[in-house]
Protein backbone atom coordinates (compact mmCIF):
# COMPACT_ATOMS: atom_id res chain seq x y z
CA MET A 1 0.00 0.00 0.00
CA ALA A 2 1.68 3.19 -1.19
CA LEU A 3 1.17 6.38 0.73
CA ARG A 4 0.06 9.41 -1.19
CA GLY A 5 1.60 12.85 -0.67
CA GLY A 6 -0.85 14.14 1.93
CA LYS A 7 -0.87 11.00 4.04
CA TRP A 8 2.93 10.83 3.97
CA TRP A 9 3.23 14.30 5.51
CA LYS A 10 0.58 13.49 8.09
CA LEU A 11 2.64 10.50 9.25
CA VAL A 12 5.81 12.61 9.37
CA GLY A 13 3.99 15.26 11.41
CA LEU A 14 2.54 12.66 13.76
CA ALA A 15 6.01 11.15 14.28
CA GLY A 16 7.34 14.62 15.11
CA ILE A 17 4.59 15.22 17.66
CA VAL A 18 5.26 11.84 19.28
CA GLY A 19 8.98 12.68 19.46
CA VAL A 20 8.32 16.03 21.12
CA ALA A 21 5.95 14.43 23.63
CA ALA A 22 8.50 11.74 24.49
CA THR A 23 11.22 14.36 24.97
CA GLY A 24 8.93 16.35 27.26
CA ALA A 25 8.14 13.25 29.32
CA VAL A 26 11.84 12.49 29.78
CA ALA A 27 12.57 16.09 30.75
CA ALA A 28 9.73 16.09 33.28
CA ARG A 29 10.97 12.83 34.82
CA ASN A 30 14.50 14.21 35.14
CA GLU A 31 13.16 17.37 36.76
CA ARG A 32 11.19 15.35 39.32
CA GLN A 33 14.31 13.34 40.17
CA ARG A 34 16.36 16.51 40.51
CA ARG A 35 13.84 18.06 42.89
CA ASN A 36 13.77 14.97 45.08
CA TYR A 37 16.53 16.34 47.34
CA SER A 38 15.69 17.51 50.83
CA PRO A 39 16.49 21.09 51.81
CA ASP A 40 19.20 19.83 54.16
CA GLU A 41 20.90 17.91 51.35
CA VAL A 42 20.82 20.94 49.06
CA ARG A 43 22.12 23.17 51.84
CA SER A 44 25.04 20.86 52.59
CA VAL A 45 26.02 20.68 48.91
CA LEU A 46 25.89 24.46 48.61
CA HIS A 47 28.02 24.87 51.75
CA GLU A 48 30.60 22.47 50.32
CA ARG A 49 30.71 24.32 46.99
CA TYR A 50 31.11 27.64 48.77
CA ALA A 51 33.92 26.31 50.94
CA ARG A 52 35.73 24.90 47.90
CA SER A 53 35.43 28.18 46.00
CA LEU A 54 36.77 30.14 48.98
CA ALA A 55 39.63 27.68 49.39
CA ALA A 56 40.48 27.90 45.69
CA ARG A 57 40.37 31.69 45.74
CA ASP A 58 42.53 31.96 48.87
CA GLY A 59 44.95 29.27 47.73
CA SER A 60 44.45 27.12 50.81
CA ALA A 61 43.94 23.38 50.52
CA GLU A 62 40.55 22.99 52.21
CA LEU A 63 38.23 24.91 54.41
CA PRO A 64 36.94 22.96 57.41
CA LEU A 65 33.17 22.72 57.49
CA ALA A 66 31.20 22.46 60.70
CA GLU A 67 28.57 19.74 60.78
CA VAL A 68 25.01 20.98 61.01
CA PRO A 69 23.13 19.04 63.66
CA VAL A 70 20.23 17.07 62.23
CA GLY A 71 17.18 16.26 64.32
CA PRO A 72 15.36 12.92 64.45
CA LYS A 73 12.58 14.16 62.15
CA GLU A 74 15.07 14.91 59.36
CA LYS A 75 16.86 11.59 59.86
CA ILE A 76 13.61 9.65 59.54
CA SER A 77 12.56 11.59 56.44
CA ARG A 78 15.96 10.89 54.81
CA VAL A 79 15.65 7.16 55.47
CA LEU A 80 12.11 7.08 54.10
CA ARG A 81 13.18 9.05 51.03
CA ARG A 82 15.96 6.54 50.32
CA PHE A 83 13.48 3.67 50.50
CA ARG A 84 11.15 5.47 48.11
CA ARG A 85 14.00 5.99 45.64
CA ARG A 86 14.87 2.28 45.71
CA ASP A 87 11.30 1.30 44.83
CA ARG A 88 11.47 3.07 41.47
């Protein structure tokens, strides 16, 4: 069965729409995974980056970071979040 001119372009357009939708779905999934960090995890990463940039600017080897105390509520939420990530 040969496709005529109009039907050919309809199939090409449909394939393009499906490709765009698939790309959007992948981008949305990656965004959800990126946002899955807790505020404490993001804060600790930002503190580490800041300390490294200061150390690099000053020429020192490393800047000691003080540990931020974490309460039991945060510890439980981290453990639960790890279990949720494993289930995927």
